[in-house]
Amino acid sequence: MEDRDRLCLALVLVLFGVGLGAWMELENARGKHPDEAVDGVRSVLRVLVIFALVTPFWSLFDQKASTWVFQADAMTKPSWFSPAQMQALNPALVMLIIPFNNLVVYPWLRKLGKEPSQLGRMALGMALAGASWIVVGAMQLVIDGGEALSIAWQVLPYILLTAGEVLLSATGLEFAYSQAPVSMKGVIMSFWSLAVTVGNLWVLIVNVGVKNETVLGSIEQSGLSSIAFQMFFFAAFALAAALAFHLVAKRYRVVDNYRA
């Protein structure tokens, strides 16, 4: 493992360790600091648990500009079309999915009495991201098998990933803002950006792990290419995180500091 990769892993461990240590010391701060200040920090740490669980989503989402582009380069397409141009689907789909959700999906669910909570939407968003990587993994198996596959097939995983983004990203920001007291809202927004960074650190750590000769040997014996293995690994990573998120969300005590 290179020094850069050790540094990335150390940063991830520090981020989680600092949060745990701060939580344990909070009660000792009462009496020395105002209760509202202690409660404010506690609310931030509770939200950080949510942020930690969404970091796998960002490890999947940001790879659409790298791993998915590499896959698109191996797919059949018009000579004038660049693989990177597929990324234009993401903002276009966002503009379609948001009004579709607001005008069709959510009103329909309200009539059924089954509209998901904010945390429920976020968990579903992660699950959709995981599903998108199952699709690209399946397509990679076809490509690795030597069969020609049209780049048009990538539209499906882009729809799934963007639907996941709409459910998780905007909802996550609104949720975090509503949970933090006024003195901590700026801190919460900065930690949201940090969660995106940690998501990208997961990618670096996984890539380093796959380069290990033992791991490469095991992948080769499975019959998968290393890129297909990573695609299915990240899919499983996101789905496991979605399940963990769902379990935590069921016990999360929601507060309303939206206008606090």
C-alpha atoms as a PDB file:
ATOM      1  CA  MET A   1       0.000   0.000   0.000  1.00  0.00           C
ATOM      2  CA  GLU A   2       1.399   3.390  -1.021  1.00  0.00           C
ATOM      3  CA  ASP A   3       1.794   6.296   1.412  1.00  0.00           C
ATOM      4  CA  ARG A   4      -1.037   8.153  -0.335  1.00  0.00           C
ATOM      5  CA  ASP A   5      -3.401   5.235   0.162  1.00  0.00           C
ATOM      6  CA  ARG A   6      -2.383   4.820   3.824  1.00  0.00           C
ATOM      7  CA  LEU A   7      -3.144   8.504   4.302  1.00  0.00           C
ATOM      8  CA  CYS A   8      -6.619   8.076   2.766  1.00  0.00           C
ATOM      9  CA  LEU A   9      -7.423   5.126   5.018  1.00  0.00           C
ATOM     10  CA  ALA A  10      -6.103   6.976   8.069  1.00  0.00           C
ATOM     11  CA  LEU A  11      -8.285   9.985   7.263  1.00  0.00           C
ATOM     12  CA  VAL A  12     -11.420   7.837   7.053  1.00  0.00           C
ATOM     13  CA  LEU A  13     -10.618   6.190  10.407  1.00  0.00           C
ATOM     14  CA  VAL A  14      -9.909   9.566  12.034  1.00  0.00           C
ATOM     15  CA  LEU A  15     -13.203  11.018  10.798  1.00  0.00           C
ATOM     16  CA  PHE A  16     -15.179   8.200  12.392  1.00  0.00           C
ATOM     17  CA  GLY A  17     -13.025   8.017  15.516  1.00  0.00           C
ATOM     18  CA  VAL A  18     -13.258  11.723  16.274  1.00  0.00           C
ATOM     19  CA  GLY A  19     -17.048  11.605  16.066  1.00  0.00           C
ATOM     20  CA  LEU A  20     -17.246   8.674  18.484  1.00  0.00           C
ATOM     21  CA  GLY A  21     -14.839  10.280  20.941  1.00  0.00           C
ATOM     22  CA  ALA A  22     -16.707  13.588  20.863  1.00  0.00           C
ATOM     23  CA  TRP A  23     -20.007  11.827  21.611  1.00  0.00           C
ATOM     24  CA  MET A  24     -18.513  10.111  24.650  1.00  0.00           C
ATOM     25  CA  GLU A  25     -17.183  13.389  26.056  1.00  0.00           C
ATOM     26  CA  LEU A  26     -20.319  15.460  25.552  1.00  0.00           C
ATOM     27  CA  GLU A  27     -21.916  14.759  28.928  1.00  0.00           C
ATOM     28  CA  ASN A  28     -18.715  15.833  30.677  1.00  0.00           C
ATOM     29  CA  ALA A  29     -19.115  19.215  29.003  1.00  0.00           C
ATOM     30  CA  ARG A  30     -22.446  19.911  30.682  1.00  0.00           C
ATOM     31  CA  GLY A  31     -22.078  22.460  33.430  1.00  0.00           C
ATOM     32  CA  LYS A  32     -18.939  23.828  31.824  1.00  0.00           C
ATOM     33  CA  HIS A  33     -20.854  24.928  28.719  1.00  0.00           C
ATOM     34  CA  PRO A  34     -24.510  25.924  28.124  1.00  0.00           C
ATOM     35  CA  ASP A  35     -26.912  23.021  27.616  1.00  0.00           C
ATOM     36  CA  GLU A  36     -28.003  24.398  24.234  1.00  0.00           C
ATOM     37  CA  ALA A  37     -24.401  24.296  23.026  1.00  0.00           C
ATOM     38  CA  VAL A  38     -23.967  20.686  24.137  1.00  0.00           C
ATOM     39  CA  ASP A  39     -27.298  19.690  22.595  1.00  0.00           C
ATOM     40  CA  GLY A  40     -26.299  21.450  19.376  1.00  0.00           C
ATOM     41  CA  VAL A  41     -23.116  19.414  19.099  1.00  0.00           C
ATOM     42  CA  ARG A  42     -25.021  16.243  19.931  1.00  0.00           C
ATOM     43  CA  SER A  43     -27.520  16.938  17.136  1.00  0.00           C
ATOM     44  CA  VAL A  44     -24.653  17.398  14.687  1.00  0.00           C
ATOM     45  CA  LEU A  45     -23.076  14.089  15.716  1.00  0.00           C
ATOM     46  CA  ARG A  46     -26.403  12.302  15.252  1.00  0.00           C
ATOM     47  CA  VAL A  47     -26.636  13.690  11.734  1.00  0.00           C
ATOM     48  CA  LEU A  48     -23.018  12.638  11.105  1.00  0.00           C
ATOM     49  CA  VAL A  49     -24.072   9.021  11.610  1.00  0.00           C
ATOM     50  CA  ILE A  50     -26.511   9.526   8.727  1.00  0.00           C
ATOM     51  CA  PHE A  51     -23.814  11.208   6.644  1.00  0.00           C
ATOM     52  CA  ALA A  52     -21.383   8.342   7.299  1.00  0.00           C
ATOM     53  CA  LEU A  53     -23.926   5.860   5.976  1.00  0.00           C
ATOM     54  CA  VAL A  54     -24.481   7.802   2.737  1.00  0.00           C
ATOM     55  CA  THR A  55     -20.776   7.973   1.841  1.00  0.00           C
ATOM     56  CA  PRO A  56     -21.032   4.711  -0.170  1.00  0.00           C
ATOM     57  CA  PHE A  57     -23.542   6.448  -2.446  1.00  0.00           C
ATOM     58  CA  TRP A  58     -20.979   9.074  -3.403  1.00  0.00           C
ATOM     59  CA  SER A  59     -18.377   6.394  -4.072  1.00  0.00           C
ATOM     60  CA  LEU A  60     -20.767   5.037  -6.719  1.00  0.00           C
ATOM     61  CA  PHE A  61     -22.128   8.310  -8.051  1.00  0.00           C
ATOM     62  CA  ASP A  62     -18.825  10.014  -8.820  1.00  0.00           C
ATOM     63  CA  GLN A  63     -17.509   7.020 -10.738  1.00  0.00           C
ATOM     64  CA  LYS A  64     -19.939   7.741 -13.554  1.00  0.00           C
ATOM     65  CA  ALA A  65     -17.239  10.168 -14.741  1.00  0.00           C
ATOM     66  CA  SER A  66     -14.526   7.495 -14.706  1.00  0.00           C
ATOM     67  CA  THR A  67     -15.503   3.805 -14.558  1.00  0.00           C
ATOM     68  CA  TRP A  68     -18.674   4.272 -16.611  1.00  0.00           C
ATOM     69  CA  VAL A  69     -16.824   6.316 -19.219  1.00  0.00           C
ATOM     70  CA  PHE A  70     -14.200   3.569 -19.562  1.00  0.00           C
ATOM     71  CA  GLN A  71     -16.968   1.037 -20.047  1.00  0.00           C
ATOM     72  CA  ALA A  72     -18.691   3.248 -22.632  1.00  0.00           C
ATOM     73  CA  ASP A  73     -15.425   3.445 -24.558  1.00  0.00           C
ATOM     74  CA  ALA A  74     -15.588  -0.345 -25.083  1.00  0.00           C
ATOM     75  CA  MET A  75     -19.195  -0.240 -26.328  1.00  0.00           C
ATOM     76  CA  THR A  76     -20.430   0.244 -29.880  1.00  0.00           C
ATOM     77  CA  LYS A  77     -21.420   3.801 -30.769  1.00  0.00           C
ATOM     78  CA  PRO A  78     -21.439   6.266 -33.685  1.00  0.00           C
ATOM     79  CA  SER A  79     -17.991   7.479 -34.718  1.00  0.00           C
ATOM     80  CA  TRP A  80     -18.894  11.062 -33.864  1.00  0.00           C
ATOM     81  CA  PHE A  81     -20.036  10.229 -30.319  1.00  0.00           C
ATOM     82  CA  SER A  82     -17.638  10.547 -27.381  1.00  0.00           C
ATOM     83  CA  PRO A  83     -18.114   8.190 -24.383  1.00  0.00           C
ATOM     84  CA  ALA A  84     -17.895  11.146 -21.983  1.00  0.00           C
ATOM     85  CA  GLN A  85     -20.955  12.692 -23.615  1.00  0.00           C
ATOM     86  CA  MET A  86     -23.125  10.095 -21.865  1.00  0.00           C
ATOM     87  CA  GLN A  87     -22.694  12.111 -18.679  1.00  0.00           C
ATOM     88  CA  ALA A  88     -24.973  14.782 -20.138  1.00  0.00           C
ATOM     89  CA  LEU A  89     -27.789  12.349 -19.353  1.00  0.00           C
ATOM     90  CA  ASN A  90     -27.419  13.017 -15.631  1.00  0.00           C
ATOM     91  CA  PRO A  91     -28.444  16.706 -15.524  1.00  0.00           C
ATOM     92  CA  ALA A  92     -31.075  16.111 -18.207  1.00  0.00           C
ATOM     93  CA  LEU A  93     -32.609  13.279 -16.206  1.00  0.00           C
ATOM     94  CA  VAL A  94     -32.531  15.355 -13.005  1.00  0.00           C
ATOM     95  CA  MET A  95     -34.708  17.974 -14.731  1.00  0.00           C
ATOM     96  CA  LEU A  96     -37.172  15.252 -15.718  1.00  0.00           C
ATOM     97  CA  ILE A  97     -37.224  13.117 -12.573  1.00  0.00           C
ATOM     98  CA  ILE A  98     -37.733  15.939 -10.034  1.00  0.00           C
ATOM     99  CA  PRO A  99     -41.011  17.241 -11.542  1.00  0.00           C
ATOM    100  CA  PHE A 100     -42.133  13.666 -12.243  1.00  0.00           C
ATOM    101  CA  ASN A 101     -41.667  12.786  -8.564  1.00  0.00           C
ATOM    102  CA  ASN A 102     -43.354  15.972  -7.333  1.00  0.00           C
ATOM    103  CA  LEU A 103     -46.287  15.903  -9.753  1.00  0.00           C
ATOM    104  CA  VAL A 104     -46.904  12.176 -10.157  1.00  0.00           C
ATOM    105  CA  VAL A 105     -45.107   9.854  -7.736  1.00  0.00           C
ATOM    106  CA  TYR A 106     -45.474  11.676  -4.412  1.00  0.00           C
ATOM    107  CA  PRO A 107     -49.151  12.708  -4.913  1.00  0.00           C
ATOM    108  CA  TRP A 108     -49.964   9.114  -5.874  1.00  0.00           C
ATOM    109  CA  LEU A 109     -48.204   7.780  -2.768  1.00  0.00           C
ATOM    110  CA  ARG A 110     -50.015  10.336  -0.578  1.00  0.00           C
ATOM    111  CA  LYS A 111     -53.345   9.073  -1.860  1.00  0.00           C
ATOM    112  CA  LEU A 112     -52.282   5.566  -0.898  1.00  0.00           C
ATOM    113  CA  GLY A 113     -51.054   6.802   2.489  1.00  0.00           C
ATOM    114  CA  LYS A 114     -47.580   5.432   1.773  1.00  0.00           C
ATOM    115  CA  GLU A 115     -45.433   8.488   1.068  1.00  0.00           C
ATOM    116  CA  PRO A 116     -41.910   7.671   2.359  1.00  0.00           C
ATOM    117  CA  SER A 117     -40.228   9.838   4.979  1.00  0.00           C
ATOM    118  CA  GLN A 118     -37.099  11.818   4.184  1.00  0.00           C
ATOM    119  CA  LEU A 119     -34.911   9.059   5.574  1.00  0.00           C
ATOM    120  CA  GLY A 120     -36.944   6.481   3.657  1.00  0.00           C
ATOM    121  CA  ARG A 121     -36.300   8.350   0.406  1.00  0.00           C
ATOM    122  CA  MET A 122     -32.586   8.465   1.149  1.00  0.00           C
ATOM    123  CA  ALA A 123     -32.435   4.718   1.803  1.00  0.00           C
ATOM    124  CA  LEU A 124     -34.273   4.072  -1.466  1.00  0.00           C
ATOM    125  CA  GLY A 125     -31.864   6.401  -3.262  1.00  0.00           C
ATOM    126  CA  MET A 126     -28.900   4.329  -2.112  1.00  0.00           C
ATOM    127  CA  ALA A 127     -30.652   1.116  -3.126  1.00  0.00           C
ATOM    128  CA  LEU A 128     -31.291   2.510  -6.619  1.00  0.00           C
ATOM    129  CA  ALA A 129     -27.616   3.448  -6.902  1.00  0.00           C
ATOM    130  CA  GLY A 130     -26.690  -0.110  -5.996  1.00  0.00           C
ATOM    131  CA  ALA A 131     -29.126  -1.432  -8.618  1.00  0.00           C
ATOM    132  CA  SER A 132     -27.526   0.793 -11.275  1.00  0.00           C
ATOM    133  CA  TRP A 133     -24.163  -0.828 -10.586  1.00  0.00           C
ATOM    134  CA  ILE A 134     -25.635  -4.301 -10.836  1.00  0.00           C
ATOM    135  CA  VAL A 135     -26.785  -3.304 -14.334  1.00  0.00           C
ATOM    136  CA  VAL A 136     -23.366  -1.930 -15.398  1.00  0.00           C
ATOM    137  CA  GLY A 137     -21.737  -5.029 -13.908  1.00  0.00           C
ATOM    138  CA  ALA A 138     -24.000  -7.271 -15.994  1.00  0.00           C
ATOM    139  CA  MET A 139     -23.156  -5.232 -19.094  1.00  0.00           C
ATOM    140  CA  GLN A 140     -19.461  -5.561 -18.296  1.00  0.00           C
ATOM    141  CA  LEU A 141     -19.827  -9.341 -18.228  1.00  0.00           C
ATOM    142  CA  VAL A 142     -21.248  -9.184 -21.761  1.00  0.00           C
ATOM    143  CA  ILE A 143     -18.374  -6.960 -22.915  1.00  0.00           C
ATOM    144  CA  ASP A 144     -15.778  -9.201 -21.250  1.00  0.00           C
ATOM    145  CA  GLY A 145     -17.342 -12.147 -23.063  1.00  0.00           C
ATOM    146  CA  GLY A 146     -16.468 -10.537 -26.361  1.00  0.00           C
ATOM    147  CA  GLU A 147     -19.984  -9.586 -27.426  1.00  0.00           C
ATOM    148  CA  ALA A 148     -20.749  -6.188 -28.936  1.00  0.00           C
ATOM    149  CA  LEU A 149     -22.993  -4.024 -26.763  1.00  0.00           C
ATOM    150  CA  SER A 150     -24.495  -0.695 -27.765  1.00  0.00           C
ATOM    151  CA  ILE A 151     -23.752   2.364 -25.646  1.00  0.00           C
ATOM    152  CA  ALA A 152     -27.502   2.972 -25.578  1.00  0.00           C
ATOM    153  CA  TRP A 153     -27.729   0.297 -22.869  1.00  0.00           C
ATOM    154  CA  GLN A 154     -26.049   2.693 -20.457  1.00  0.00           C
ATOM    155  CA  VAL A 155     -29.204   4.808 -20.419  1.00  0.00           C
ATOM    156  CA  LEU A 156     -30.802   2.357 -17.964  1.00  0.00           C
ATOM    157  CA  PRO A 157     -28.126   2.597 -15.224  1.00  0.00           C
ATOM    158  CA  TYR A 158     -28.035   6.374 -15.696  1.00  0.00           C
ATOM    159  CA  ILE A 159     -31.787   6.509 -15.010  1.00  0.00           C
ATOM    160  CA  LEU A 160     -31.398   4.404 -11.870  1.00  0.00           C
ATOM    161  CA  LEU A 161     -28.383   6.353 -10.576  1.00  0.00           C
ATOM    162  CA  THR A 162     -29.957   9.754 -11.248  1.00  0.00           C
ATOM    163  CA  ALA A 163     -33.217   8.689  -9.601  1.00  0.00           C
ATOM    164  CA  GLY A 164     -31.130   7.692  -6.594  1.00  0.00           C
ATOM    165  CA  GLU A 165     -29.342  11.043  -6.641  1.00  0.00           C
ATOM    166  CA  VAL A 166     -32.626  12.962  -6.668  1.00  0.00           C
ATOM    167  CA  LEU A 167     -33.951  10.961  -3.718  1.00  0.00           C
ATOM    168  CA  LEU A 168     -30.765  11.148  -1.650  1.00  0.00           C
ATOM    169  CA  SER A 169     -28.905  14.370  -2.389  1.00  0.00           C
ATOM    170  CA  ALA A 170     -31.584  17.064  -2.192  1.00  0.00           C
ATOM    171  CA  THR A 171     -33.497  15.184   0.509  1.00  0.00           C
ATOM    172  CA  GLY A 172     -30.331  14.662   2.538  1.00  0.00           C
ATOM    173  CA  LEU A 173     -29.458  18.353   2.538  1.00  0.00           C
ATOM    174  CA  GLU A 174     -32.972  19.359   3.561  1.00  0.00           C
ATOM    175  CA  PHE A 175     -33.080  16.713   6.275  1.00  0.00           C
ATOM    176  CA  ALA A 176     -29.697  17.683   7.724  1.00  0.00           C
ATOM    177  CA  TYR A 177     -30.627  21.377   7.720  1.00  0.00           C
ATOM    178  CA  SER A 178     -33.856  20.623   9.594  1.00  0.00           C
ATOM    179  CA  GLN A 179     -32.048  18.595  12.277  1.00  0.00           C
ATOM    180  CA  ALA A 180     -29.394  21.152  13.219  1.00  0.00           C
ATOM    181  CA  PRO A 181     -29.982  24.160  15.505  1.00  0.00           C
ATOM    182  CA  VAL A 182     -29.309  27.556  13.973  1.00  0.00           C
ATOM    183  CA  SER A 183     -25.792  27.752  15.434  1.00  0.00           C
ATOM    184  CA  MET A 184     -24.820  24.491  13.737  1.00  0.00           C
ATOM    185  CA  LYS A 185     -26.429  24.756  10.296  1.00  0.00           C
ATOM    186  CA  GLY A 186     -23.231  25.968   8.622  1.00  0.00           C
ATOM    187  CA  VAL A 187     -21.271  23.143  10.250  1.00  0.00           C
ATOM    188  CA  ILE A 188     -23.771  20.593   8.976  1.00  0.00           C
ATOM    189  CA  MET A 189     -23.464  21.862   5.400  1.00  0.00           C
ATOM    190  CA  SER A 190     -19.665  21.586   5.555  1.00  0.00           C
ATOM    191  CA  PHE A 191     -19.897  18.006   6.820  1.00  0.00           C
ATOM    192  CA  TRP A 192     -22.175  17.153   3.897  1.00  0.00           C
ATOM    193  CA  SER A 193     -19.377  18.178   1.535  1.00  0.00           C
ATOM    194  CA  LEU A 194     -16.962  16.128   3.624  1.00  0.00           C
ATOM    195  CA  ALA A 195     -19.196  13.075   3.191  1.00  0.00           C
ATOM    196  CA  VAL A 196     -18.748  13.389  -0.585  1.00  0.00           C
ATOM    197  CA  THR A 197     -14.975  13.442  -0.099  1.00  0.00           C
ATOM    198  CA  VAL A 198     -15.064  10.342   2.099  1.00  0.00           C
ATOM    199  CA  GLY A 199     -17.114   8.602  -0.592  1.00  0.00           C
ATOM    200  CA  ASN A 200     -14.283   9.151  -3.039  1.00  0.00           C
ATOM    201  CA  LEU A 201     -11.771   7.885  -0.480  1.00  0.00           C
ATOM    202  CA  TRP A 202     -13.644   4.574  -0.416  1.00  0.00           C
ATOM    203  CA  VAL A 203     -12.958   4.258  -4.143  1.00  0.00           C
ATOM    204  CA  LEU A 204      -9.229   4.746  -3.617  1.00  0.00           C
ATOM    205  CA  ILE A 205      -9.153   2.192  -0.807  1.00  0.00           C
ATOM    206  CA  VAL A 206     -11.027  -0.428  -2.860  1.00  0.00           C
ATOM    207  CA  ASN A 207      -8.805   0.153  -5.875  1.00  0.00           C
ATOM    208  CA  VAL A 208      -5.722  -0.389  -3.728  1.00  0.00           C
ATOM    209  CA  GLY A 209      -7.202  -3.556  -2.255  1.00  0.00           C
ATOM    210  CA  VAL A 210      -7.931  -5.001  -5.688  1.00  0.00           C
ATOM    211  CA  LYS A 211      -4.324  -4.437  -6.788  1.00  0.00           C
ATOM    212  CA  ASN A 212      -3.192  -6.961  -4.184  1.00  0.00           C
ATOM    213  CA  GLU A 213      -1.852 -10.116  -5.875  1.00  0.00           C
ATOM    214  CA  THR A 214      -3.872 -12.414  -3.622  1.00  0.00           C
ATOM    215  CA  VAL A 215      -7.097 -10.560  -4.403  1.00  0.00           C
ATOM    216  CA  LEU A 216      -6.328 -10.483  -8.127  1.00  0.00           C
ATOM    217  CA  GLY A 217      -5.705 -14.234  -8.037  1.00  0.00           C
ATOM    218  CA  SER A 218      -9.052 -14.866  -6.343  1.00  0.00           C
ATOM    219  CA  ILE A 219     -10.855 -12.660  -8.855  1.00  0.00           C
ATOM    220  CA  GLU A 220      -9.219 -14.484 -11.752  1.00  0.00           C
ATOM    221  CA  GLN A 221     -10.323 -17.840 -10.337  1.00  0.00           C
ATOM    222  CA  SER A 222     -13.906 -16.552 -10.126  1.00  0.00           C
ATOM    223  CA  GLY A 223     -13.912 -15.914 -13.872  1.00  0.00           C
ATOM    224  CA  LEU A 224     -14.619 -12.194 -13.468  1.00  0.00           C
ATOM    225  CA  SER A 225     -12.476  -9.384 -14.768  1.00  0.00           C
ATOM    226  CA  SER A 226     -11.181  -6.985 -12.111  1.00  0.00           C
ATOM    227  CA  ILE A 227     -13.433  -4.200 -13.416  1.00  0.00           C
ATOM    228  CA  ALA A 228     -16.548  -6.432 -13.295  1.00  0.00           C
ATOM    229  CA  PHE A 229     -15.619  -7.536  -9.783  1.00  0.00           C
ATOM    230  CA  GLN A 230     -15.333  -3.921  -8.616  1.00  0.00           C
ATOM    231  CA  MET A 231     -18.681  -3.055 -10.189  1.00  0.00           C
ATOM    232  CA  PHE A 232     -20.455  -5.840  -8.305  1.00  0.00           C
ATOM    233  CA  PHE A 233     -18.501  -5.027  -5.140  1.00  0.00           C
ATOM    234  CA  PHE A 234     -19.651  -1.405  -5.175  1.00  0.00           C
ATOM    235  CA  ALA A 235     -23.219  -2.534  -5.865  1.00  0.00           C
ATOM    236  CA  ALA A 236     -23.100  -4.800  -2.795  1.00  0.00           C
ATOM    237  CA  PHE A 237     -21.448  -1.979  -0.809  1.00  0.00           C
ATOM    238  CA  ALA A 238     -24.298   0.411  -1.574  1.00  0.00           C
ATOM    239  CA  LEU A 239     -27.025  -2.150  -0.918  1.00  0.00           C
ATOM    240  CA  ALA A 240     -25.472  -3.091   2.436  1.00  0.00           C
ATOM    241  CA  ALA A 241     -25.246   0.604   3.330  1.00  0.00           C
ATOM    242  CA  ALA A 242     -28.889   1.089   2.318  1.00  0.00           C
ATOM    243  CA  LEU A 243     -29.921  -1.726   4.659  1.00  0.00           C
ATOM    244  CA  ALA A 244     -27.836  -0.325   7.521  1.00  0.00           C
ATOM    245  CA  PHE A 245     -29.266   3.135   6.814  1.00  0.00           C
ATOM    246  CA  HIS A 246     -32.808   1.756   6.961  1.00  0.00           C
ATOM    247  CA  LEU A 247     -32.150   0.102  10.330  1.00  0.00           C
ATOM    248  CA  VAL A 248     -30.622   3.284  11.783  1.00  0.00           C
ATOM    249  CA  ALA A 249     -33.407   5.438  10.337  1.00  0.00           C
ATOM    250  CA  LYS A 250     -36.057   3.368  12.123  1.00  0.00           C
ATOM    251  CA  ARG A 251     -34.506   4.369  15.471  1.00  0.00           C
ATOM    252  CA  TYR A 252     -33.621   7.958  14.552  1.00  0.00           C
ATOM    253  CA  ARG A 253     -35.540  10.552  16.564  1.00  0.00           C
ATOM    254  CA  VAL A 254     -36.451  13.298  14.098  1.00  0.00           C
ATOM    255  CA  VAL A 255     -36.562  16.883  15.364  1.00  0.00           C
ATOM    256  CA  ASP A 256     -37.748  20.043  13.621  1.00  0.00           C
ATOM    257  CA  ASN A 257     -35.192  22.839  13.599  1.00  0.00           C
ATOM    258  CA  TYR A 258     -35.982  23.849  10.049  1.00  0.00           C
ATOM    259  CA  ARG A 259     -36.734  27.473  11.013  1.00  0.00           C
ATOM    260  CA  ALA A 260     -34.813  27.482  14.278  1.00  0.00           C
END
